[in-house]
């Protein structure tokens, strides 16, 4: 079972002024698909704070997957992709491209998402949009391949192939 961290980037959510529906939806979808939700944090839209928590979840908690929601648009306070790029070792553009491609079949606004995906150590980080509808659509598009990607990252798929 892969351990998952969730980060919601939201100024209002971090102050308790808005319910975190997207973070809850990520938790529900990932739990229903056999993933262990190890941590869920709501942070303000602060690049340094998001980067710091990504590093903590990767390096200290050793989570397998971190899913962020929010902060991927054009707002002056949207810094989640930049915070992610600050901490990853390698980009995984195919994941973000697949999510945008899938969402473009539903709405042309999908092209406005700036979300990125990447690897830090043995942790995969994926930026999801902030709306619950977009979170659901994006997760649906990547779930079929996600487990295999994590198995390769963790070395599990290689070991299974050798046996």
Foldseek 3Di string as FASTA:
>chain_A
DFEEEEEEAAQCVLVVNDDQPQQVLVVVVCVVVPYHHPYYYYHYLDLVVLLVVVCCCCPPVVGQEYEYEALFADDPSRCNQVSVVVAAPFWDAVLLVQLLVQCCVVPVCSVRGRWTWGHHQNHIYTYFYHDNVSSVSSCVRCVVCVVVVSCVSVVNVVVVVVD
